[in-house]
C-alpha atoms as a PDB file:
ATOM      1  CA  UNK A   1      42.149  30.937  82.465  1.00  0.00           C
ATOM      2  CA  UNK A   2      41.906  28.093  79.943  1.00  0.00           C
ATOM      3  CA  UNK A   3      43.102  24.537  80.552  1.00  0.00           C
ATOM      4  CA  UNK A   4      46.058  25.065  78.188  1.00  0.00           C
ATOM      5  CA  UNK A   5      47.196  28.119  80.157  1.00  0.00           C
ATOM      6  CA  UNK A   6      46.873  26.214  83.441  1.00  0.00           C
ATOM      7  CA  UNK A   7      48.928  23.312  82.161  1.00  0.00           C
ATOM      8  CA  UNK A   8      51.547  25.722  80.760  1.00  0.00           C
ATOM      9  CA  UNK A   9      51.819  27.437  84.168  1.00  0.00           C
ATOM     10  CA  UNK A  10      52.113  24.100  85.944  1.00  0.00           C
ATOM     11  CA  UNK A  11      54.838  22.870  83.586  1.00  0.00           C
ATOM     12  CA  UNK A  12      56.855  26.069  84.065  1.00  0.00           C
ATOM     13  CA  UNK A  13      57.509  25.118  87.696  1.00  0.00           C
ATOM     14  CA  UNK A  14      60.601  22.890  87.844  1.00  0.00           C
ATOM     15  CA  UNK A  15      60.051  19.555  89.541  1.00  0.00           C
ATOM     16  CA  UNK A  16      62.710  18.036  91.762  1.00  0.00           C
ATOM     17  CA  UNK A  17      64.646  15.256  90.087  1.00  0.00           C
ATOM     18  CA  UNK A  18      64.034  11.726  91.348  1.00  0.00           C
ATOM     19  CA  UNK A  19      66.898  10.072  93.238  1.00  0.00           C
ATOM     20  CA  UNK A  20      67.455   7.598  90.390  1.00  0.00           C
ATOM     21  CA  UNK A  21      68.070  10.441  87.940  1.00  0.00           C
ATOM     22  CA  UNK A  22      70.498  12.157  90.306  1.00  0.00           C
ATOM     23  CA  UNK A  23      72.381   8.884  90.804  1.00  0.00           C
ATOM     24  CA  UNK A  24      72.555   8.310  87.033  1.00  0.00           C
ATOM     25  CA  UNK A  25      73.924  11.833  86.502  1.00  0.00           C
ATOM     26  CA  UNK A  26      76.573  11.287  89.190  1.00  0.00           C
ATOM     27  CA  UNK A  27      77.593   7.954  87.633  1.00  0.00           C
ATOM     28  CA  UNK A  28      77.845   9.545  84.182  1.00  0.00           C
ATOM     29  CA  UNK A  29      80.014  12.361  85.525  1.00  0.00           C
ATOM     30  CA  UNK A  30      82.263   9.794  87.230  1.00  0.00           C
ATOM     31  CA  UNK A  31      82.623   7.844  83.949  1.00  0.00           C
ATOM     32  CA  UNK A  32      83.514  11.045  82.059  1.00  0.00           C
ATOM     33  CA  UNK A  33      86.126  12.000  84.659  1.00  0.00           C
ATOM     34  CA  UNK A  34      87.647   8.488  84.597  1.00  0.00           C
ATOM     35  CA  UNK A  35      87.755   8.483  80.793  1.00  0.00           C
ATOM     36  CA  UNK A  36      89.463  11.881  80.803  1.00  0.00           C
ATOM     37  CA  UNK A  37      92.108  10.603  83.233  1.00  0.00           C
ATOM     38  CA  UNK A  38      92.712   7.325  81.359  1.00  0.00           C
ATOM     39  CA  UNK A  39      92.788   8.736  77.825  1.00  0.00           C
ATOM     40  CA  UNK A  40      96.359   9.493  76.763  1.00  0.00           C
ATOM     41  CA  UNK A  41      96.988  12.921  75.248  1.00  0.00           C
ATOM     42  CA  UNK A  42      96.884  13.109  71.470  1.00  0.00           C
ATOM     43  CA  UNK A  43     100.235  12.628  69.765  1.00  0.00           C
ATOM     44  CA  UNK A  44     101.749  15.683  68.142  1.00  0.00           C
ATOM     45  CA  UNK A  45     102.337  15.554  64.404  1.00  0.00           C
ATOM     46  CA  UNK A  46     105.979  15.409  63.418  1.00  0.00           C
ATOM     47  CA  UNK A  47     106.964  16.980  60.108  1.00  0.00           C
ATOM     48  CA  UNK A  48     103.450  18.145  59.261  1.00  0.00           C
ATOM     49  CA  UNK A  49     102.538  20.924  56.872  1.00  0.00           C
ATOM     50  CA  UNK A  50     101.992  23.564  59.588  1.00  0.00           C
ATOM     51  CA  UNK A  51      99.401  26.285  59.530  1.00  0.00           C
ATOM     52  CA  UNK A  52      95.669  25.894  59.923  1.00  0.00           C
ATOM     53  CA  UNK A  53      93.973  22.541  59.474  1.00  0.00           C
ATOM     54  CA  UNK A  54      92.698  22.320  55.879  1.00  0.00           C
ATOM     55  CA  UNK A  55      89.940  19.870  56.780  1.00  0.00           C
ATOM     56  CA  UNK A  56      88.555  22.428  59.197  1.00  0.00           C
ATOM     57  CA  UNK A  57      89.003  25.571  57.123  1.00  0.00           C
ATOM     58  CA  UNK A  58      88.170  24.118  53.711  1.00  0.00           C
ATOM     59  CA  UNK A  59      91.226  24.750  51.561  1.00  0.00           C
ATOM     60  CA  UNK A  60      94.619  23.188  51.035  1.00  0.00           C
ATOM     61  CA  UNK A  61      97.756  25.084  50.137  1.00  0.00           C
ATOM     62  CA  UNK A  62     100.824  23.293  48.833  1.00  0.00           C
ATOM     63  CA  UNK A  63     103.813  25.024  47.231  1.00  0.00           C
ATOM     64  CA  UNK A  64     101.856  28.263  46.856  1.00  0.00           C
ATOM     65  CA  UNK A  65      98.862  26.693  45.091  1.00  0.00           C
ATOM     66  CA  UNK A  66      95.575  26.698  46.990  1.00  0.00           C
ATOM     67  CA  UNK A  67      92.772  24.296  46.182  1.00  0.00           C
ATOM     68  CA  UNK A  68      89.312  23.910  47.675  1.00  0.00           C
ATOM     69  CA  UNK A  69      87.812  20.576  48.456  1.00  0.00           C
END
């Protein structure tokens, strides 16, 4: 077995995460959960054009005329 194969086999074994990394992941998850709770829901559009979002689907239809942008 060559040195490259040995190092590849050794790197395939997952190492346990250090406590600092686990703490950082827990803190990040807590921040995401807090942000999700504190962020107000998006306002609904009143009097919009309806249908699919043209910015997402790539065309705009107005009064029967479709245009690409």
